[in-house]
Protein backbone atom coordinates (compact mmCIF):
# COMPACT_ATOMS: atom_id res chain seq x y z
CA LEU A 1 -98.61 -60.91 -19.14
CA CYS A 2 -98.47 -61.60 -22.89
CA PRO A 3 -99.42 -64.88 -24.58
CA ALA A 4 -96.00 -65.16 -26.21
CA GLN A 5 -94.42 -65.25 -22.73
CA GLY A 6 -96.54 -68.10 -21.44
CA GLY A 7 -98.27 -66.12 -18.70
CA LEU A 8 -101.81 -66.77 -19.95
CA ASP A 9 -103.39 -70.22 -20.18
CA THR A 10 -105.39 -71.58 -23.10
CA ARG A 11 -108.81 -71.03 -21.50
CA SER A 12 -108.28 -67.32 -20.77
CA ARG A 13 -106.76 -66.80 -24.24
CA ALA A 14 -109.87 -68.19 -25.88
CA ALA A 15 -112.15 -66.04 -23.75
CA GLU A 16 -110.42 -62.73 -24.52
CA PRO A 17 -110.35 -60.94 -27.91
CA ALA A 18 -107.05 -60.50 -29.74
CA VAL A 19 -105.46 -57.21 -28.66
CA HIS A 20 -102.21 -55.41 -29.33
CA CYS A 21 -99.51 -56.29 -26.85
CA THR A 22 -96.63 -53.90 -26.51
CA MET A 23 -94.20 -56.53 -25.20
CA ALA A 24 -94.72 -59.41 -27.63
CA ASN A 25 -92.60 -59.95 -30.70
CA LEU A 26 -94.32 -60.39 -34.05
CA ILE A 27 -94.16 -63.18 -36.58
CA ALA A 28 -93.99 -61.70 -40.07
CA LYS A 29 -92.92 -62.57 -43.57
CA PHE A 30 -91.96 -60.44 -46.54
CA VAL A 31 -94.11 -60.71 -49.66
CA ASP A 32 -93.51 -59.07 -53.01
CA GLU A 33 -96.17 -57.26 -55.05
CA ASP A 34 -97.23 -60.51 -56.71
CA GLY A 35 -97.75 -62.27 -53.37
CA GLN A 36 -94.60 -64.38 -53.54
CA PRO A 37 -92.93 -64.82 -50.13
CA VAL A 38 -89.28 -63.95 -49.66
CA GLY A 39 -87.31 -65.79 -47.02
CA PRO A 40 -88.63 -67.53 -43.90
CA GLU A 41 -91.08 -66.26 -41.31
CA LEU A 42 -89.31 -63.81 -39.01
CA ASP A 43 -89.61 -63.05 -35.31
CA LEU A 44 -89.54 -59.23 -35.23
CA PRO A 45 -89.67 -56.75 -32.35
CA GLN A 46 -92.58 -54.31 -32.41
CA GLY A 47 -90.20 -51.37 -32.37
CA ILE A 48 -88.78 -52.16 -35.80
CA ALA A 49 -89.24 -49.41 -38.40
CA LYS A 50 -88.92 -48.99 -42.15
CA ASP A 51 -85.17 -48.44 -42.21
CA GLN A 52 -84.48 -51.62 -40.26
CA LEU A 53 -86.92 -53.57 -42.43
CA SER A 54 -85.11 -52.31 -45.53
CA SER A 55 -81.76 -53.48 -44.17
CA LEU A 56 -83.22 -56.88 -43.31
CA LEU A 57 -84.84 -57.26 -46.73
CA ASN A 58 -81.63 -56.27 -48.52
CA SER A 59 -79.86 -59.04 -46.61
CA LEU A 60 -82.51 -61.60 -47.55
CA LEU A 61 -82.40 -60.56 -51.22
CA GLN A 62 -78.59 -60.47 -51.13
CA ASN A 63 -78.50 -57.11 -52.90
CA GLU A 64 -74.98 -56.01 -53.69
CA ALA A 65 -75.94 -52.35 -53.09
CA PRO A 66 -78.63 -51.47 -50.53
CA LEU A 67 -81.90 -50.42 -52.15
CA PRO A 68 -84.71 -48.36 -50.55
CA TYR A 69 -88.09 -50.00 -50.07
CA VAL A 70 -91.57 -49.00 -48.97
CA PHE A 71 -93.70 -51.45 -46.94
CA PHE A 72 -97.46 -52.08 -46.78
CA ILE A 73 -99.63 -54.06 -44.35
CA ASN A 74 -103.20 -54.64 -45.54
CA ASP A 75 -102.66 -51.95 -48.22
CA ASP A 76 -101.67 -49.34 -45.61
CA GLU A 77 -98.16 -47.94 -45.88
CA LEU A 78 -95.93 -48.44 -42.87
CA GLU A 79 -94.85 -45.02 -41.61
CA GLY A 80 -93.65 -45.46 -38.00
CA THR A 81 -92.83 -48.60 -36.07
CA LEU A 82 -94.52 -51.90 -36.77
CA GLY A 83 -96.14 -52.02 -33.32
CA ASP A 84 -97.61 -48.51 -33.60
CA HIS A 85 -98.97 -49.34 -37.03
CA LEU A 86 -100.81 -52.40 -35.72
CA GLU A 87 -102.08 -50.66 -32.58
CA LYS A 88 -103.61 -47.75 -34.53
CA ARG A 89 -105.52 -50.21 -36.71
CA GLY A 90 -106.47 -52.64 -33.94
CA MET A 91 -104.71 -55.53 -35.63
CA SER A 92 -103.79 -58.79 -33.92
CA VAL A 93 -100.25 -59.74 -33.02
CA GLU A 94 -101.11 -63.43 -32.91
CA THR A 95 -101.25 -63.99 -36.66
CA VAL A 96 -98.46 -64.09 -39.20
CA LEU A 97 -98.24 -60.63 -40.77
CA GLN A 98 -97.70 -60.30 -44.48
CA VAL A 99 -95.44 -57.32 -45.10
CA VAL A 100 -95.66 -56.35 -48.75
CA TYR A 101 -92.58 -54.56 -50.03
CA LYS A 102 -92.13 -52.40 -53.11
CA PRO A 103 -88.81 -51.00 -54.35
CA MET A 104 -88.59 -47.24 -54.41
CA ALA A 105 -87.28 -45.30 -57.40
CA LEU A 106 -83.58 -44.83 -56.98
CA PHE A 107 -82.25 -41.38 -57.92
CA THR A 108 -78.54 -40.89 -58.08
CA VAL A 109 -76.88 -37.52 -58.55
CA ARG A 110 -73.88 -37.56 -60.81
CA PRO A 111 -71.40 -34.84 -59.85
CA VAL A 112 -70.47 -32.44 -62.63
CA THR A 113 -66.82 -33.41 -62.68
CA ARG A 114 -66.61 -34.48 -66.29
CA CYS A 115 -67.99 -33.61 -69.71
CA SER A 116 -71.16 -35.60 -70.37
CA SER A 117 -71.22 -34.68 -74.06
CA SER A 118 -69.18 -32.75 -76.59
CA MET A 119 -70.72 -31.05 -79.63
CA PRO A 120 -68.00 -30.20 -82.15
CA GLY A 121 -68.60 -28.19 -85.30
CA HIS A 122 -67.50 -24.60 -84.88
CA THR A 123 -64.07 -23.83 -86.32
CA ASP A 124 -63.35 -20.88 -84.02
CA ALA A 125 -64.10 -19.80 -80.46
CA VAL A 126 -67.71 -20.17 -79.29
CA LEU A 127 -68.68 -16.74 -77.94
CA SER A 128 -72.35 -17.12 -77.00
CA VAL A 129 -74.88 -19.89 -76.33
CA CYS A 130 -78.59 -19.84 -75.52
CA PHE A 131 -81.15 -22.58 -74.81
CA SER A 132 -84.51 -22.24 -76.54
CA PRO A 133 -87.45 -21.59 -74.17
CA CYS A 134 -89.00 -24.93 -75.12
CA GLY A 135 -85.75 -26.65 -74.09
CA ARG A 136 -85.35 -28.65 -77.29
CA ARG A 137 -82.70 -26.60 -79.06
CA LEU A 138 -79.47 -24.79 -78.34
CA ALA A 139 -78.13 -21.87 -80.36
CA SER A 140 -74.46 -20.95 -80.47
CA GLY A 141 -72.59 -18.02 -81.97
CA SER A 142 -68.93 -18.24 -82.89
CA GLY A 143 -65.86 -16.43 -84.06
CA ASP A 144 -66.19 -18.45 -87.28
CA THR A 145 -69.09 -16.01 -88.16
CA THR A 146 -71.75 -18.75 -88.05
CA VAL A 147 -74.79 -19.43 -85.88
CA ARG A 148 -75.41 -23.10 -85.19
CA LEU A 149 -78.59 -24.74 -83.94
CA TRP A 150 -78.26 -28.00 -82.03
CA ASP A 151 -80.81 -30.73 -81.33
CA LEU A 152 -80.53 -31.41 -77.60
CA GLY A 153 -82.20 -34.79 -77.96
CA THR A 154 -79.49 -36.17 -80.21
CA GLN A 155 -76.79 -33.59 -79.33
CA LEU A 156 -76.13 -33.21 -83.05
CA PRO A 157 -76.08 -30.05 -85.18
CA LYS A 158 -79.44 -29.19 -86.71
CA SER A 159 -78.29 -26.34 -88.95
CA THR A 160 -75.42 -23.97 -89.65
CA SER A 161 -76.57 -20.44 -90.42
CA LYS A 162 -74.30 -18.13 -92.36
CA GLY A 163 -74.70 -14.41 -92.89
CA HIS A 164 -72.57 -12.54 -90.40
CA THR A 165 -69.26 -11.26 -91.76
CA ASN A 166 -67.50 -11.09 -88.40
CA TRP A 167 -67.65 -12.69 -84.97
CA VAL A 168 -71.12 -13.55 -83.60
CA LEU A 169 -71.09 -12.02 -80.13
CA CYS A 170 -74.61 -12.73 -78.84
CA VAL A 171 -77.62 -14.93 -79.60
CA ALA A 172 -81.09 -14.78 -78.04
CA TRP A 173 -84.27 -16.82 -78.57
CA ALA A 174 -87.66 -15.12 -78.65
CA PRO A 175 -89.69 -16.20 -75.59
CA ASP A 176 -92.22 -17.94 -77.85
CA SER A 177 -89.35 -20.10 -79.21
CA ARG A 178 -90.19 -19.22 -82.84
CA LEU A 179 -87.40 -16.78 -83.70
CA LEU A 180 -83.70 -16.40 -82.98
CA ALA A 181 -81.74 -13.16 -83.07
CA SER A 182 -77.97 -12.86 -83.33
CA GLY A 183 -75.69 -9.84 -83.08
CA GLY A 184 -72.13 -9.54 -84.24
CA MET A 185 -68.95 -7.60 -84.72
CA ASP A 186 -70.30 -6.62 -88.15
CA SER A 187 -72.72 -4.23 -86.35
CA THR A 188 -75.82 -6.09 -87.56
CA VAL A 189 -78.67 -8.00 -85.96
CA ARG A 190 -79.80 -11.02 -87.94
CA LEU A 191 -83.03 -12.98 -87.53
CA TRP A 192 -83.48 -16.73 -88.06
CA ASP A 193 -86.39 -19.15 -87.87
CA ILE A 194 -86.37 -22.28 -85.70
CA ASP A 195 -84.68 -24.25 -88.48
CA GLY A 196 -81.88 -21.71 -88.91
CA LYS A 197 -83.20 -20.18 -92.14
CA PRO A 198 -82.46 -16.45 -92.49
CA LEU A 199 -85.42 -14.10 -92.10
CA GLY A 200 -83.75 -10.74 -92.46
CA LEU A 201 -81.11 -8.26 -91.48
CA CYS A 202 -81.40 -5.25 -89.13
CA LYS A 203 -78.86 -2.54 -89.85
CA GLY A 204 -78.36 0.71 -87.97
CA HIS A 205 -75.69 0.33 -85.33
CA LYS A 206 -72.36 1.97 -86.15
CA GLN A 207 -70.27 -0.43 -84.03
CA TRP A 208 -70.58 -4.02 -82.88
CA VAL A 209 -73.69 -5.39 -81.15
CA THR A 210 -73.09 -6.28 -77.50
CA SER A 211 -76.41 -7.61 -76.20
CA LEU A 212 -79.96 -8.63 -77.22
CA ALA A 213 -83.28 -8.72 -75.35
CA TRP A 214 -86.78 -9.71 -76.52
CA GLU A 215 -90.14 -8.25 -75.56
CA PRO A 216 -91.93 -10.64 -73.12
CA VAL A 217 -94.71 -12.95 -74.33
CA HIS A 218 -97.26 -11.49 -71.92
CA LYS A 219 -96.82 -8.15 -73.70
CA ALA A 220 -96.84 -9.44 -77.27
CA PHE A 221 -97.59 -12.80 -78.88
CA PRO A 222 -96.16 -13.77 -81.28
CA CYS A 223 -92.97 -12.00 -80.27
CA ARG A 224 -92.20 -9.20 -82.69
CA ARG A 225 -89.88 -6.68 -81.01
CA VAL A 226 -86.25 -7.21 -80.02
CA ALA A 227 -83.83 -4.71 -78.52
CA SER A 228 -80.10 -4.54 -79.21
CA SER A 229 -77.26 -2.60 -77.59
CA SER A 230 -74.01 -1.56 -79.15
CA LYS A 231 -70.50 -0.32 -78.62
CA ASP A 232 -71.73 2.91 -80.29
CA GLY A 233 -73.58 3.80 -77.05
CA SER A 234 -77.10 3.31 -78.39
CA VAL A 235 -79.99 0.92 -77.81
CA ARG A 236 -82.30 0.12 -80.72
CA VAL A 237 -85.70 -1.56 -80.73
CA TRP A 238 -86.46 -3.48 -83.93
CA ASP A 239 -89.63 -4.75 -85.60
CA CYS A 240 -88.83 -8.33 -86.62
CA VAL A 241 -91.38 -8.34 -89.43
CA THR A 242 -90.31 -5.14 -91.19
CA ARG A 243 -86.71 -5.26 -89.87
CA LYS A 244 -87.05 -1.52 -89.23
CA SER A 245 -85.73 0.35 -86.21
CA LEU A 246 -88.74 1.47 -84.16
CA LEU A 247 -86.82 3.31 -81.43
CA VAL A 248 -83.27 4.58 -81.08
CA LEU A 249 -82.39 5.23 -77.46
CA HIS A 250 -79.57 7.70 -76.92
CA ALA A 251 -78.47 8.77 -73.45
CA HIS A 252 -75.33 6.80 -72.69
CA THR A 253 -71.98 8.45 -73.38
CA GLN A 254 -70.00 5.24 -73.76
CA ALA A 255 -70.51 1.66 -74.93
CA VAL A 256 -73.65 -0.13 -73.77
CA THR A 257 -72.57 -3.48 -72.35
CA CYS A 258 -75.86 -5.22 -71.48
CA ILE A 259 -79.62 -4.79 -71.83
CA ARG A 260 -82.66 -6.45 -70.26
CA TRP A 261 -86.34 -6.13 -71.25
CA GLY A 262 -88.44 -6.17 -68.10
CA GLY A 263 -91.99 -7.35 -67.65
CA ASP A 264 -93.44 -3.90 -66.96
CA ASP A 265 -92.67 -2.21 -70.31
CA ARG A 266 -89.20 -1.16 -69.25
CA ILE A 267 -85.82 -1.65 -70.87
CA TYR A 268 -82.70 -1.59 -68.67
CA SER A 269 -79.29 -0.77 -70.16
CA ALA A 270 -75.87 -0.87 -68.52
CA SER A 271 -72.92 1.07 -69.84
CA ARG A 272 -69.27 1.90 -69.46
CA ASP A 273 -70.37 5.40 -68.49
CA CYS A 274 -71.06 3.85 -65.03
CA GLN A 275 -74.83 4.25 -65.40
CA ILE A 276 -77.85 1.99 -65.66
CA ILE A 277 -80.64 3.74 -67.55
CA VAL A 278 -84.28 2.69 -67.32
CA TRP A 279 -86.28 3.34 -70.52
CA ASP A 280 -89.96 3.28 -71.41
CA ALA A 281 -90.15 0.40 -73.90
CA ASN A 282 -93.06 2.00 -75.81
CA THR A 283 -91.94 5.63 -76.08
CA GLY A 284 -88.18 5.37 -75.68
CA GLN A 285 -88.17 8.02 -72.97
CA VAL A 286 -85.72 7.87 -70.06
CA ILE A 287 -87.54 7.00 -66.83
CA MET A 288 -84.52 7.29 -64.55
CA ALA A 289 -80.78 6.77 -64.35
CA LEU A 290 -79.11 4.68 -61.66
CA LYS A 291 -75.72 6.13 -60.77
CA GLU A 292 -74.01 4.42 -57.86
CA HIS A 293 -71.25 2.44 -59.56
CA ALA A 294 -67.74 3.95 -59.65
CA HIS A 295 -66.59 2.13 -62.79
CA TRP A 296 -67.91 0.39 -65.90
CA VAL A 297 -71.14 -1.56 -65.43
CA ASN A 298 -70.52 -4.90 -67.12
CA THR A 299 -73.74 -6.84 -66.81
CA LEU A 300 -77.31 -6.88 -65.49
CA ALA A 301 -79.76 -9.52 -64.30
CA LEU A 302 -83.47 -9.34 -63.44
CA SER A 303 -85.12 -11.37 -60.70
CA THR A 304 -87.71 -12.37 -63.33
CA ASP A 305 -85.22 -13.28 -66.08
CA TYR A 306 -86.12 -16.96 -66.17
CA ALA A 307 -89.88 -16.36 -66.40
CA LEU A 308 -89.43 -13.66 -69.05
CA ARG A 309 -87.03 -15.73 -71.13
CA THR A 310 -89.24 -18.85 -71.15
CA GLY A 311 -92.58 -17.04 -71.42
CA ALA A 312 -95.51 -19.47 -71.44
CA PHE A 313 -93.28 -22.57 -71.39
CA ASN A 314 -93.10 -24.40 -68.07
CA GLU A 315 -90.08 -26.22 -66.67
CA ARG A 316 -90.94 -29.28 -68.80
CA GLY A 317 -90.89 -27.25 -72.01
CA LYS A 318 -94.67 -27.42 -72.42
CA GLY A 319 -96.91 -24.41 -72.89
CA ILE A 320 -97.14 -23.02 -76.41
CA ALA A 321 -98.47 -25.30 -79.16
CA THR A 322 -99.21 -24.59 -82.81
CA ASP A 323 -102.86 -23.90 -81.99
CA THR A 324 -102.24 -21.77 -78.88
CA THR A 325 -104.19 -18.51 -79.08
CA GLU A 326 -102.76 -15.12 -78.22
CA GLN A 327 -104.90 -14.86 -75.09
CA GLU A 328 -103.91 -18.32 -73.87
CA ALA A 329 -100.19 -17.65 -74.36
CA LYS A 330 -100.37 -14.27 -72.62
CA SER A 331 -102.36 -15.70 -69.71
CA MET A 332 -99.84 -18.48 -69.11
CA ALA A 333 -96.91 -16.08 -69.43
CA ILE A 334 -98.31 -13.43 -67.07
CA ALA A 335 -99.09 -16.10 -64.48
CA ARG A 336 -95.47 -17.30 -64.53
CA TYR A 337 -94.18 -13.72 -64.44
CA ASN A 338 -96.33 -12.76 -61.44
CA LYS A 339 -95.25 -15.91 -59.63
CA ALA A 340 -91.61 -15.00 -60.25
CA LYS A 341 -92.17 -11.52 -58.83
CA GLY A 342 -93.74 -12.97 -55.69
CA GLY A 343 -95.93 -9.91 -55.12
CA LYS A 344 -92.96 -7.54 -55.19
CA PRO A 345 -91.51 -5.26 -57.90
CA GLU A 346 -88.84 -6.62 -60.20
CA ARG A 347 -85.33 -6.43 -58.80
CA ILE A 348 -82.22 -5.69 -60.80
CA VAL A 349 -78.67 -6.59 -59.92
CA SER A 350 -75.74 -4.90 -61.63
CA ALA A 351 -72.09 -5.95 -61.65
CA SER A 352 -69.18 -3.64 -62.24
CA ASP A 353 -65.47 -3.12 -62.70
CA ASP A 354 -65.57 -1.48 -59.24
CA PHE A 355 -65.60 -5.05 -57.81
CA THR A 356 -69.16 -4.69 -56.44
CA LEU A 357 -72.73 -5.74 -57.18
CA ILE A 358 -75.67 -3.44 -56.49
CA LEU A 359 -79.25 -4.59 -55.97
CA TRP A 360 -82.02 -2.27 -57.15
CA GLU A 361 -85.79 -2.22 -57.06
CA ALA A 362 -87.40 -1.43 -60.40
CA ASN A 363 -89.33 1.64 -59.25
CA LYS A 364 -86.62 3.31 -57.19
CA SER A 365 -83.46 5.21 -58.09
CA GLN A 366 -81.97 4.47 -54.67
CA SER A 367 -80.27 1.08 -54.41
CA MET A 368 -81.42 -1.59 -51.98
CA THR A 369 -77.93 -2.76 -51.07
CA ARG A 370 -74.35 -2.95 -52.29
CA MET A 371 -72.68 -6.36 -52.22
CA THR A 372 -68.93 -6.41 -51.77
CA GLY A 373 -66.34 -9.16 -51.48
CA HIS A 374 -64.91 -9.66 -54.97
CA LYS A 375 -61.30 -8.60 -55.30
CA GLN A 376 -61.47 -8.10 -59.06
CA LEU A 377 -64.00 -6.89 -61.61
CA VAL A 378 -67.35 -8.75 -61.84
CA ASN A 379 -68.22 -9.88 -65.36
CA HIS A 380 -71.38 -11.92 -64.90
CA VAL A 381 -74.29 -12.25 -62.49
CA VAL A 382 -77.54 -14.23 -62.56
CA PHE A 383 -80.57 -14.80 -60.31
CA SER A 384 -81.66 -18.36 -59.55
CA PRO A 385 -84.94 -19.31 -61.31
């Protein structure tokens, strides 16, 4: 019998040590972090757990909305039931327990059902946007022929860069976050610094520029080479310092719609000739052609896109500083790239006007799988980070 039920007299209670009793209720009181009691002493069953204690405390505090709490007894966090907690620590049930409570951080998820911010400024359609790898800036290209840089902290325009003479179709940040490239209907690639100041013009394409891709940080730091594709069916690799064309890649017979620069010195290009061509990024030689689509190939995505685009920057935008050495930047970038690969070769997914997506492995000309289900052409595809 338990003392609380009157089955044990005073003499036997004094002779025996205090032990946990599975049938007795407990007398407890809530105490905040500063030791101030909240409410009266409470008669609690030993089977009570954290959720029930939270509900009880919310009632005592008269909270309009229930808040989550964490509870401690003698500096040990309560995980299971109150009785189990006391039994594991050999604590007495005959004393008033002080249950210290601490409010937990409350995270609420706001559904994306409304615009959280609007950044006006362009006077024509916005055709391309790109976040900087450090996460502090946004670049946008527009039909008004300008490139705008935005401060994401204030959501205000940082600069308006003029130079293109026709629509700006694509913008892309260098993975070290120090340069921005833009391509337009005027068939040029223009380079800008992080403040939007013009650095130079790359001319060579005979028709408009459709896509841009930078060499990864783990291959070159600072980033110096950028690739561009065009409606003229070519892919060009540019030196951003000299603004000269280092390589001109000709193999497609129709417009090149999308390019990606992989982490293993390969450039991937998709075209309206229904092919994806894999190029050696150093020599410009064709490694192989992937030919399983029955119509235009509209876009490509790499399984490592996020790691390649952000380079040495982590998810908090930290990584490359002004004093970061070449070796440090490359080491951080290759570590993120290898983690993204997960011990496997890069994978490529292509999307087409034939209503399908095809998944490829970087070293094989035979596809891994074809994904069907769309009832119209597929214009965009992306891997999760």
